[in-house]
Amino acid sequence: MDVKKAIKIAKTYVADIFSDEKIDHLGLEETGFDESKNVWLITIGFARKWNPTKIGGASLPTVVGPNPYENRTFKQVAIDDKSGRVLYVKDRILREAA
């Protein structure tokens, strides 16, 4: 499969398994391919409603502020290249570039 298909699978899967949490601002963060295992590694980021950004006491629905990663959750989705099956979803820690 190509990277665009892997991204679509990852986004759809994350949106589905976290649907009861009403996540917001779902987006692609990273892509990679592990040639030794024939597995796509796709990182998807999103915001959760219970951890909004606050400025001046007001909760904002979007991610703003000095650290854009502060209020986002990142998940790495591993997808088998041949079958398109999701193998796992795990936490991915991204750091702000220095």
PDB file of N, CA and C in Angstrom:
ATOM      1  N   MET A   1       0.853  -1.179   0.000  1.00  0.00           N
ATOM      2  CA  MET A   1       0.000   0.000   0.000  1.00  0.00           C
ATOM      3  C   MET A   1       0.894   1.235   0.000  1.00  0.00           C
ATOM      4  N   ASP A   2       0.352   2.349  -0.405  1.00  0.00           N
ATOM      5  CA  ASP A   2       1.139   3.583  -0.353  1.00  0.00           C
ATOM      6  C   ASP A   2       0.849   4.329   0.941  1.00  0.00           C
ATOM      7  N   VAL A   3       1.631   5.378   1.204  1.00  0.00           N
ATOM      8  CA  VAL A   3       1.528   6.110   2.469  1.00  0.00           C
ATOM      9  C   VAL A   3       0.148   6.763   2.642  1.00  0.00           C
ATOM     10  N   LYS A   4      -0.455   7.220   1.564  1.00  0.00           N
ATOM     11  CA  LYS A   4      -1.770   7.859   1.663  1.00  0.00           C
ATOM     12  C   LYS A   4      -2.826   6.881   2.167  1.00  0.00           C
ATOM     13  N   LYS A   5      -2.767   5.639   1.713  1.00  0.00           N
ATOM     14  CA  LYS A   5      -3.717   4.618   2.187  1.00  0.00           C
ATOM     15  C   LYS A   5      -3.462   4.315   3.661  1.00  0.00           C
ATOM     16  N   ALA A   6      -2.198   4.213   4.062  1.00  0.00           N
ATOM     17  CA  ALA A   6      -1.866   3.955   5.465  1.00  0.00           C
ATOM     18  C   ALA A   6      -2.367   5.083   6.362  1.00  0.00           C
ATOM     19  N   ILE A   7      -2.215   6.316   5.920  1.00  0.00           N
ATOM     20  CA  ILE A   7      -2.689   7.478   6.682  1.00  0.00           C
ATOM     21  C   ILE A   7      -4.206   7.420   6.844  1.00  0.00           C
ATOM     22  N   LYS A   8      -4.891   7.106   5.774  1.00  0.00           N
ATOM     23  CA  LYS A   8      -6.361   7.030   5.832  1.00  0.00           C
ATOM     24  C   LYS A   8      -6.814   5.948   6.822  1.00  0.00           C
ATOM     25  N   ILE A   9      -6.164   4.786   6.773  1.00  0.00           N
ATOM     26  CA  ILE A   9      -6.501   3.703   7.704  1.00  0.00           C
ATOM     27  C   ILE A   9      -6.273   4.163   9.140  1.00  0.00           C
ATOM     28  N   ALA A  10      -5.117   4.793   9.394  1.00  0.00           N
ATOM     29  CA  ALA A  10      -4.780   5.233  10.754  1.00  0.00           C
ATOM     30  C   ALA A  10      -5.772   6.271  11.272  1.00  0.00           C
ATOM     31  N   LYS A  11      -6.094   7.264  10.464  1.00  0.00           N
ATOM     32  CA  LYS A  11      -7.030   8.306  10.896  1.00  0.00           C
ATOM     33  C   LYS A  11      -8.415   7.725  11.184  1.00  0.00           C
ATOM     34  N   THR A  12      -8.880   6.865  10.300  1.00  0.00           N
ATOM     35  CA  THR A  12     -10.191   6.253  10.473  1.00  0.00           C
ATOM     36  C   THR A  12     -10.231   5.399  11.729  1.00  0.00           C
ATOM     37  N   TYR A  13      -9.174   4.636  11.962  1.00  0.00           N
ATOM     38  CA  TYR A  13      -9.105   3.747  13.125  1.00  0.00           C
ATOM     39  C   TYR A  13      -9.095   4.543  14.427  1.00  0.00           C
ATOM     40  N   VAL A  14      -8.249   5.572  14.490  1.00  0.00           N
ATOM     41  CA  VAL A  14      -8.169   6.399  15.702  1.00  0.00           C
ATOM     42  C   VAL A  14      -9.505   7.100  15.958  1.00  0.00           C
ATOM     43  N   ALA A  15     -10.093   7.674  14.919  1.00  0.00           N
ATOM     44  CA  ALA A  15     -11.392   8.344  15.081  1.00  0.00           C
ATOM     45  C   ALA A  15     -12.442   7.372  15.612  1.00  0.00           C
ATOM     46  N   ASP A  16     -12.402   6.139  15.137  1.00  0.00           N
ATOM     47  CA  ASP A  16     -13.385   5.145  15.566  1.00  0.00           C
ATOM     48  C   ASP A  16     -13.167   4.703  17.014  1.00  0.00           C
ATOM     49  N   ILE A  17     -11.941   4.340  17.370  1.00  0.00           N
ATOM     50  CA  ILE A  17     -11.740   3.792  18.719  1.00  0.00           C
ATOM     51  C   ILE A  17     -11.831   4.850  19.820  1.00  0.00           C
ATOM     52  N   PHE A  18     -11.649   6.120  19.457  1.00  0.00           N
ATOM     53  CA  PHE A  18     -11.780   7.186  20.450  1.00  0.00           C
ATOM     54  C   PHE A  18     -13.078   7.983  20.266  1.00  0.00           C
ATOM     55  N   SER A  19     -14.014   7.467  19.503  1.00  0.00           N
ATOM     56  CA  SER A  19     -15.235   8.218  19.187  1.00  0.00           C
ATOM     57  C   SER A  19     -16.060   8.565  20.418  1.00  0.00           C
ATOM     58  N   ASP A  20     -16.068   7.719  21.425  1.00  0.00           N
ATOM     59  CA  ASP A  20     -16.859   8.018  22.617  1.00  0.00           C
ATOM     60  C   ASP A  20     -16.247   9.139  23.453  1.00  0.00           C
ATOM     61  N   GLU A  21     -14.994   9.499  23.180  1.00  0.00           N
ATOM     62  CA  GLU A  21     -14.330  10.594  23.896  1.00  0.00           C
ATOM     63  C   GLU A  21     -14.487  11.939  23.183  1.00  0.00           C
ATOM     64  N   LYS A  22     -15.155  11.925  22.037  1.00  0.00           N
ATOM     65  CA  LYS A  22     -15.418  13.141  21.264  1.00  0.00           C
ATOM     66  C   LYS A  22     -14.145  13.959  21.041  1.00  0.00           C
ATOM     67  N   ILE A  23     -13.138  13.298  20.480  1.00  0.00           N
ATOM     68  CA  ILE A  23     -11.866  13.971  20.206  1.00  0.00           C
ATOM     69  C   ILE A  23     -12.047  15.034  19.130  1.00  0.00           C
ATOM     70  N   ASP A  24     -11.096  15.937  19.061  1.00  0.00           N
ATOM     71  CA  ASP A  24     -11.190  17.087  18.172  1.00  0.00           C
ATOM     72  C   ASP A  24      -9.825  17.329  17.531  1.00  0.00           C
ATOM     73  N   HIS A  25      -9.794  18.014  16.422  1.00  0.00           N
ATOM     74  CA  HIS A  25      -8.560  18.425  15.753  1.00  0.00           C
ATOM     75  C   HIS A  25      -7.661  17.232  15.420  1.00  0.00           C
ATOM     76  N   LEU A  26      -8.261  16.175  14.895  1.00  0.00           N
ATOM     77  CA  LEU A  26      -7.525  14.985  14.491  1.00  0.00           C
ATOM     78  C   LEU A  26      -6.647  15.311  13.292  1.00  0.00           C
ATOM     79  N   GLY A  27      -5.368  14.941  13.364  1.00  0.00           N
ATOM     80  CA  GLY A  27      -4.492  15.244  12.238  1.00  0.00           C
ATOM     81  C   GLY A  27      -3.248  14.382  12.198  1.00  0.00           C
ATOM     82  N   LEU A  28      -2.682  14.307  11.026  1.00  0.00           N
ATOM     83  CA  LEU A  28      -1.447  13.572  10.801  1.00  0.00           C
ATOM     84  C   LEU A  28      -0.273  14.317  11.409  1.00  0.00           C
ATOM     85  N   GLU A  29       0.607  13.591  12.088  1.00  0.00           N
ATOM     86  CA  GLU A  29       1.811  14.186  12.678  1.00  0.00           C
ATOM     87  C   GLU A  29       3.088  13.635  12.038  1.00  0.00           C
ATOM     88  N   GLU A  30       3.166  12.317  11.843  1.00  0.00           N
ATOM     89  CA  GLU A  30       4.374  11.686  11.297  1.00  0.00           C
ATOM     90  C   GLU A  30       3.993  10.439  10.496  1.00  0.00           C
ATOM     91  N   THR A  31       4.867  10.083   9.571  1.00  0.00           N
ATOM     92  CA  THR A  31       4.745   8.800   8.884  1.00  0.00           C
ATOM     93  C   THR A  31       6.108   8.127   8.875  1.00  0.00           C
ATOM     94  N   GLY A  32       6.094   6.823   8.811  1.00  0.00           N
ATOM     95  CA  GLY A  32       7.323   6.058   8.690  1.00  0.00           C
ATOM     96  C   GLY A  32       6.997   4.656   8.229  1.00  0.00           C
ATOM     97  N   PHE A  33       8.022   3.970   7.727  1.00  0.00           N
ATOM     98  CA  PHE A  33       7.835   2.596   7.286  1.00  0.00           C
ATOM     99  C   PHE A  33       8.997   1.765   7.791  1.00  0.00           C
ATOM    100  N   ASP A  34       8.683   0.700   8.511  1.00  0.00           N
ATOM    101  CA  ASP A  34       9.690  -0.225   9.021  1.00  0.00           C
ATOM    102  C   ASP A  34       9.846  -1.338   7.991  1.00  0.00           C
ATOM    103  N   GLU A  35      10.907  -1.235   7.176  1.00  0.00           N
ATOM    104  CA  GLU A  35      11.125  -2.207   6.099  1.00  0.00           C
ATOM    105  C   GLU A  35      11.402  -3.610   6.616  1.00  0.00           C
ATOM    106  N   SER A  36      12.013  -3.727   7.783  1.00  0.00           N
ATOM    107  CA  SER A  36      12.329  -5.055   8.312  1.00  0.00           C
ATOM    108  C   SER A  36      11.075  -5.826   8.717  1.00  0.00           C
ATOM    109  N   LYS A  37       9.996  -5.100   9.046  1.00  0.00           N
ATOM    110  CA  LYS A  37       8.747  -5.743   9.476  1.00  0.00           C
ATOM    111  C   LYS A  37       7.596  -5.521   8.496  1.00  0.00           C
ATOM    112  N   ASN A  38       7.834  -4.714   7.452  1.00  0.00           N
ATOM    113  CA  ASN A  38       6.780  -4.345   6.492  1.00  0.00           C
ATOM    114  C   ASN A  38       5.566  -3.752   7.202  1.00  0.00           C
ATOM    115  N   VAL A  39       5.850  -2.764   8.061  1.00  0.00           N
ATOM    116  CA  VAL A  39       4.810  -2.132   8.869  1.00  0.00           C
ATOM    117  C   VAL A  39       4.897  -0.613   8.716  1.00  0.00           C
ATOM    118  N   TRP A  40       3.753  -0.007   8.466  1.00  0.00           N
ATOM    119  CA  TRP A  40       3.646   1.445   8.468  1.00  0.00           C
ATOM    120  C   TRP A  40       3.493   1.921   9.899  1.00  0.00           C
ATOM    121  N   LEU A  41       4.197   2.998  10.262  1.00  0.00           N
ATOM    122  CA  LEU A  41       4.086   3.631  11.578  1.00  0.00           C
ATOM    123  C   LEU A  41       3.582   5.050  11.351  1.00  0.00           C
ATOM    124  N   ILE A  42       2.343   5.260  11.675  1.00  0.00           N
ATOM    125  CA  ILE A  42       1.668   6.532  11.420  1.00  0.00           C
ATOM    126  C   ILE A  42       1.303   7.159  12.766  1.00  0.00           C
ATOM    127  N   THR A  43       1.750   8.392  12.990  1.00  0.00           N
ATOM    128  CA  THR A  43       1.414   9.099  14.221  1.00  0.00           C
ATOM    129  C   THR A  43       0.279  10.079  13.942  1.00  0.00           C
ATOM    130  N   ILE A  44      -0.776   9.940  14.736  1.00  0.00           N
ATOM    131  CA  ILE A  44      -1.966  10.784  14.632  1.00  0.00           C
ATOM    132  C   ILE A  44      -2.089  11.581  15.930  1.00  0.00           C
ATOM    133  N   GLY A  45      -2.352  12.880  15.813  1.00  0.00           N
ATOM    134  CA  GLY A  45      -2.554  13.732  16.977  1.00  0.00           C
ATOM    135  C   GLY A  45      -3.992  14.196  17.054  1.00  0.00           C
ATOM    136  N   PHE A  46      -4.433  14.463  18.276  1.00  0.00           N
ATOM    137  CA  PHE A  46      -5.785  14.988  18.467  1.00  0.00           C
ATOM    138  C   PHE A  46      -5.874  15.658  19.829  1.00  0.00           C
ATOM    139  N   ALA A  47      -6.930  16.445  20.000  1.00  0.00           N
ATOM    140  CA  ALA A  47      -7.196  17.114  21.283  1.00  0.00           C
ATOM    141  C   ALA A  47      -8.357  16.399  21.956  1.00  0.00           C
ATOM    142  N   ARG A  48      -8.290  16.371  23.271  1.00  0.00           N
ATOM    143  CA  ARG A  48      -9.374  15.805  24.065  1.00  0.00           C
ATOM    144  C   ARG A  48     -10.111  16.948  24.759  1.00  0.00           C
ATOM    145  N   LYS A  49     -11.408  16.854  24.829  1.00  0.00           N
ATOM    146  CA  LYS A  49     -12.246  17.919  25.387  1.00  0.00           C
ATOM    147  C   LYS A  49     -11.940  18.201  26.854  1.00  0.00           C
ATOM    148  N   TRP A  50     -11.504  17.202  27.603  1.00  0.00           N
ATOM    149  CA  TRP A  50     -11.305  17.414  29.037  1.00  0.00           C
ATOM    150  C   TRP A  50      -9.987  18.087  29.368  1.00  0.00           C
ATOM    151  N   ASN A  51      -9.171  18.396  28.382  1.00  0.00           N
ATOM    152  CA  ASN A  51      -7.882  19.041  28.634  1.00  0.00           C
ATOM    153  C   ASN A  51      -7.729  20.268  27.728  1.00  0.00           C
ATOM    154  N   PRO A  52      -8.661  21.243  27.844  1.00  0.00           N
ATOM    155  CA  PRO A  52      -8.585  22.404  26.950  1.00  0.00           C
ATOM    156  C   PRO A  52      -7.460  23.355  27.345  1.00  0.00           C
ATOM    157  N   THR A  53      -7.029  24.134  26.375  1.00  0.00           N
ATOM    158  CA  THR A  53      -6.059  25.185  26.634  1.00  0.00           C
ATOM    159  C   THR A  53      -6.780  26.326  27.337  1.00  0.00           C
ATOM    160  N   LYS A  54      -6.125  26.952  28.314  1.00  0.00           N
ATOM    161  CA  LYS A  54      -6.737  28.078  29.027  1.00  0.00           C
ATOM    162  C   LYS A  54      -5.864  29.322  28.861  1.00  0.00           C
ATOM    163  N   ILE A  55      -6.525  30.405  28.532  1.00  0.00           N
ATOM    164  CA  ILE A  55      -5.857  31.704  28.443  1.00  0.00           C
ATOM    165  C   ILE A  55      -6.740  32.705  29.163  1.00  0.00           C
ATOM    166  N   GLY A  56      -6.189  33.363  30.155  1.00  0.00           N
ATOM    167  CA  GLY A  56      -6.955  34.351  30.913  1.00  0.00           C
ATOM    168  C   GLY A  56      -8.179  33.772  31.585  1.00  0.00           C
ATOM    169  N   GLY A  57      -8.119  32.506  31.986  1.00  0.00           N
ATOM    170  CA  GLY A  57      -9.233  31.872  32.672  1.00  0.00           C
ATOM    171  C   GLY A  57     -10.291  31.295  31.758  1.00  0.00           C
ATOM    172  N   ALA A  58     -10.202  31.583  30.460  1.00  0.00           N
ATOM    173  CA  ALA A  58     -11.196  31.064  29.528  1.00  0.00           C
ATOM    174  C   ALA A  58     -10.675  29.805  28.846  1.00  0.00           C
ATOM    175  N   SER A  59     -11.517  28.793  28.740  1.00  0.00           N
ATOM    176  CA  SER A  59     -11.143  27.571  28.029  1.00  0.00           C
ATOM    177  C   SER A  59     -11.344  27.776  26.535  1.00  0.00           C
ATOM    178  N   LEU A  60     -10.342  27.405  25.772  1.00  0.00           N
ATOM    179  CA  LEU A  60     -10.409  27.536  24.324  1.00  0.00           C
ATOM    180  C   LEU A  60     -10.458  26.154  23.696  1.00  0.00           C
ATOM    181  N   PRO A  61     -11.221  25.981  22.620  1.00  0.00           N
ATOM    182  CA  PRO A  61     -11.318  24.675  21.989  1.00  0.00           C
ATOM    183  C   PRO A  61     -10.124  24.324  21.115  1.00  0.00           C
ATOM    184  N   THR A  62      -9.254  25.282  20.853  1.00  0.00           N
ATOM    185  CA  THR A  62      -8.117  25.018  19.983  1.00  0.00           C
ATOM    186  C   THR A  62      -6.831  25.032  20.778  1.00  0.00           C
ATOM    187  N   VAL A  63      -5.791  24.495  20.180  1.00  0.00           N
ATOM    188  CA  VAL A  63      -4.496  24.409  20.834  1.00  0.00           C
ATOM    189  C   VAL A  63      -3.702  25.671  20.513  1.00  0.00           C
ATOM    190  N   VAL A  64      -3.425  26.475  21.536  1.00  0.00           N
ATOM    191  CA  VAL A  64      -2.632  27.685  21.379  1.00  0.00           C
ATOM    192  C   VAL A  64      -1.677  27.785  22.546  1.00  0.00           C
ATOM    193  N   GLY A  65      -0.725  28.679  22.451  1.00  0.00           N
ATOM    194  CA  GLY A  65       0.212  28.846  23.553  1.00  0.00           C
ATOM    195  C   GLY A  65       1.628  28.522  23.131  1.00  0.00           C
ATOM    196  N   PRO A  66       2.568  28.626  24.068  1.00  0.00           N
ATOM    197  CA  PRO A  66       3.969  28.445  23.736  1.00  0.00           C
ATOM    198  C   PRO A  66       4.326  27.016  23.346  1.00  0.00           C
ATOM    199  N   ASN A  67       3.631  26.026  23.845  1.00  0.00           N
ATOM    200  CA  ASN A  67       3.929  24.641  23.515  1.00  0.00           C
ATOM    201  C   ASN A  67       2.719  24.024  22.810  1.00  0.00           C
ATOM    202  N   PRO A  68       2.768  23.889  21.481  1.00  0.00           N
ATOM    203  CA  PRO A  68       1.608  23.373  20.751  1.00  0.00           C
ATOM    204  C   PRO A  68       1.298  21.911  21.055  1.00  0.00           C
ATOM    205  N   TYR A  69       2.222  21.181  21.676  1.00  0.00           N
ATOM    206  CA  TYR A  69       1.997  19.777  21.986  1.00  0.00           C
ATOM    207  C   TYR A  69       1.367  19.578  23.361  1.00  0.00           C
ATOM    208  N   GLU A  70       1.299  20.642  24.138  1.00  0.00           N
ATOM    209  CA  GLU A  70       0.873  20.573  25.530  1.00  0.00           C
ATOM    210  C   GLU A  70      -0.500  19.924  25.722  1.00  0.00           C
ATOM    211  N   ASN A  71      -1.449  20.252  24.879  1.00  0.00           N
ATOM    212  CA  ASN A  71      -2.811  19.765  25.061  1.00  0.00           C
ATOM    213  C   ASN A  71      -3.249  18.814  23.954  1.00  0.00           C
ATOM    214  N   ARG A  72      -2.284  18.138  23.352  1.00  0.00           N
ATOM    215  CA  ARG A  72      -2.607  17.161  22.315  1.00  0.00           C
ATOM    216  C   ARG A  72      -2.167  15.779  22.761  1.00  0.00           C
ATOM    217  N   THR A  73      -2.875  14.814  22.283  1.00  0.00           N
ATOM    218  CA  THR A  73      -2.524  13.419  22.494  1.00  0.00           C
ATOM    219  C   THR A  73      -2.002  12.888  21.174  1.00  0.00           C
ATOM    220  N   PHE A  74      -0.960  12.078  21.234  1.00  0.00           N
ATOM    221  CA  PHE A  74      -0.371  11.495  20.028  1.00  0.00           C
ATOM    222  C   PHE A  74      -0.399   9.984  20.139  1.00  0.00           C
ATOM    223  N   LYS A  75      -0.853   9.334  19.085  1.00  0.00           N
ATOM    224  CA  LYS A  75      -0.911   7.877  19.033  1.00  0.00           C
ATOM    225  C   LYS A  75      -0.175   7.399  17.784  1.00  0.00           C
ATOM    226  N   GLN A  76       0.670   6.390  17.979  1.00  0.00           N
ATOM    227  CA  GLN A  76       1.332   5.751  16.857  1.00  0.00           C
ATOM    228  C   GLN A  76       0.510   4.524  16.473  1.00  0.00           C
ATOM    229  N   VAL A  77       0.150   4.455  15.209  1.00  0.00           N
ATOM    230  CA  VAL A  77      -0.651   3.352  14.690  1.00  0.00           C
ATOM    231  C   VAL A  77       0.245   2.517  13.783  1.00  0.00           C
ATOM    232  N   ALA A  78       0.375   1.232  14.096  1.00  0.00           N
ATOM    233  CA  ALA A  78       1.168   0.313  13.275  1.00  0.00           C
ATOM    234  C   ALA A  78       0.214  -0.465  12.366  1.00  0.00           C
ATOM    235  N   ILE A  79       0.503  -0.450  11.064  1.00  0.00           N
ATOM    236  CA  ILE A  79      -0.370  -1.073  10.077  1.00  0.00           C
ATOM    237  C   ILE A  79       0.437  -2.035   9.218  1.00  0.00           C
ATOM    238  N   ASP A  80      -0.026  -3.269   9.129  1.00  0.00           N
ATOM    239  CA  ASP A  80       0.628  -4.252   8.271  1.00  0.00           C
ATOM    240  C   ASP A  80       0.491  -3.821   6.813  1.00  0.00           C
ATOM    241  N   ASP A  81       1.616  -3.765   6.099  1.00  0.00           N
ATOM    242  CA  ASP A  81       1.627  -3.261   4.723  1.00  0.00           C
ATOM    243  C   ASP A  81       0.804  -4.131   3.778  1.00  0.00           C
ATOM    244  N   LYS A  82       0.869  -5.420   3.934  1.00  0.00           N
ATOM    245  CA  LYS A  82       0.176  -6.321   2.998  1.00  0.00           C
ATOM    246  C   LYS A  82      -1.319  -6.402   3.256  1.00  0.00           C
ATOM    247  N   SER A  83      -1.713  -6.590   4.508  1.00  0.00           N
ATOM    248  CA  SER A  83      -3.133  -6.801   4.821  1.00  0.00           C
ATOM    249  C   SER A  83      -3.893  -5.517   5.115  1.00  0.00           C
ATOM    250  N   GLY A  84      -3.174  -4.456   5.525  1.00  0.00           N
ATOM    251  CA  GLY A  84      -3.841  -3.224   5.931  1.00  0.00           C
ATOM    252  C   GLY A  84      -4.425  -3.301   7.322  1.00  0.00           C
ATOM    253  N   ARG A  85      -4.116  -4.378   8.035  1.00  0.00           N
ATOM    254  CA  ARG A  85      -4.643  -4.588   9.392  1.00  0.00           C
ATOM    255  C   ARG A  85      -3.864  -3.741  10.399  1.00  0.00           C
ATOM    256  N   VAL A  86      -4.601  -3.098  11.306  1.00  0.00           N
ATOM    257  CA  VAL A  86      -3.957  -2.348  12.388  1.00  0.00           C
ATOM    258  C   VAL A  86      -3.425  -3.358  13.392  1.00  0.00           C
ATOM    259  N   LEU A  87      -2.123  -3.269  13.675  1.00  0.00           N
ATOM    260  CA  LEU A  87      -1.476  -4.194  14.602  1.00  0.00           C
ATOM    261  C   LEU A  87      -1.521  -3.686  16.032  1.00  0.00           C
ATOM    262  N   TYR A  88      -1.341  -2.373  16.196  1.00  0.00           N
ATOM    263  CA  TYR A  88      -1.428  -1.786  17.529  1.00  0.00           C
ATOM    264  C   TYR A  88      -1.566  -0.282  17.436  1.00  0.00           C
ATOM    265  N   VAL A  89      -2.002   0.283  18.554  1.00  0.00           N
ATOM    266  CA  VAL A  89      -2.047   1.732  18.760  1.00  0.00           C
ATOM    267  C   VAL A  89      -1.385   1.965  20.105  1.00  0.00           C
ATOM    268  N   LYS A  90      -0.397   2.861  20.138  1.00  0.00           N
ATOM    269  CA  LYS A  90       0.271   3.142  21.401  1.00  0.00           C
ATOM    270  C   LYS A  90       0.586   4.628  21.514  1.00  0.00           C
ATOM    271  N   ASP A  91       0.861   5.066  22.743  1.00  0.00           N
ATOM    272  CA  ASP A  91       1.211   6.462  22.973  1.00  0.00           C
ATOM    273  C   ASP A  91       2.504   6.813  22.248  1.00  0.00           C
ATOM    274  N   ARG A  92       2.544   8.014  21.732  1.00  0.00           N
ATOM    275  CA  ARG A  92       3.753   8.542  21.085  1.00  0.00           C
ATOM    276  C   ARG A  92       4.003   9.902  21.686  1.00  0.00           C
ATOM    277  N   ILE A  93       5.178  10.102  22.245  1.00  0.00           N
ATOM    278  CA  ILE A  93       5.541  11.381  22.856  1.00  0.00           C
ATOM    279  C   ILE A  93       6.305  12.200  21.830  1.00  0.00           C
ATOM    280  N   LEU A  94       5.781  13.371  21.494  1.00  0.00           N
ATOM    281  CA  LEU A  94       6.463  14.296  20.581  1.00  0.00           C
ATOM    282  C   LEU A  94       6.947  15.478  21.395  1.00  0.00           C
ATOM    283  N   ARG A  95       8.098  15.949  21.067  1.00  0.00           N
ATOM    284  CA  ARG A  95       8.678  17.099  21.785  1.00  0.00           C
ATOM    285  C   ARG A  95       8.754  18.284  20.829  1.00  0.00           C
ATOM    286  N   GLU A  96       8.603  19.451  21.400  1.00  0.00           N
ATOM    287  CA  GLU A  96       8.716  20.681  20.630  1.00  0.00           C
ATOM    288  C   GLU A  96      10.151  20.811  20.133  1.00  0.00           C
ATOM    289  N   ALA A  97      10.304  21.189  18.873  1.00  0.00           N
ATOM    290  CA  ALA A  97      11.640  21.377  18.288  1.00  0.00           C
ATOM    291  C   ALA A  97      12.342  22.542  18.979  1.00  0.00           C
ATOM    292  N   ALA A  98      13.618  22.368  19.236  1.00  0.00           N
ATOM    293  CA  ALA A  98      14.393  23.419  19.917  1.00  0.00           C
ATOM    294  C   ALA A  98      14.840  24.488  18.953  1.00  0.00           C
TER     295      ALA A  98
END
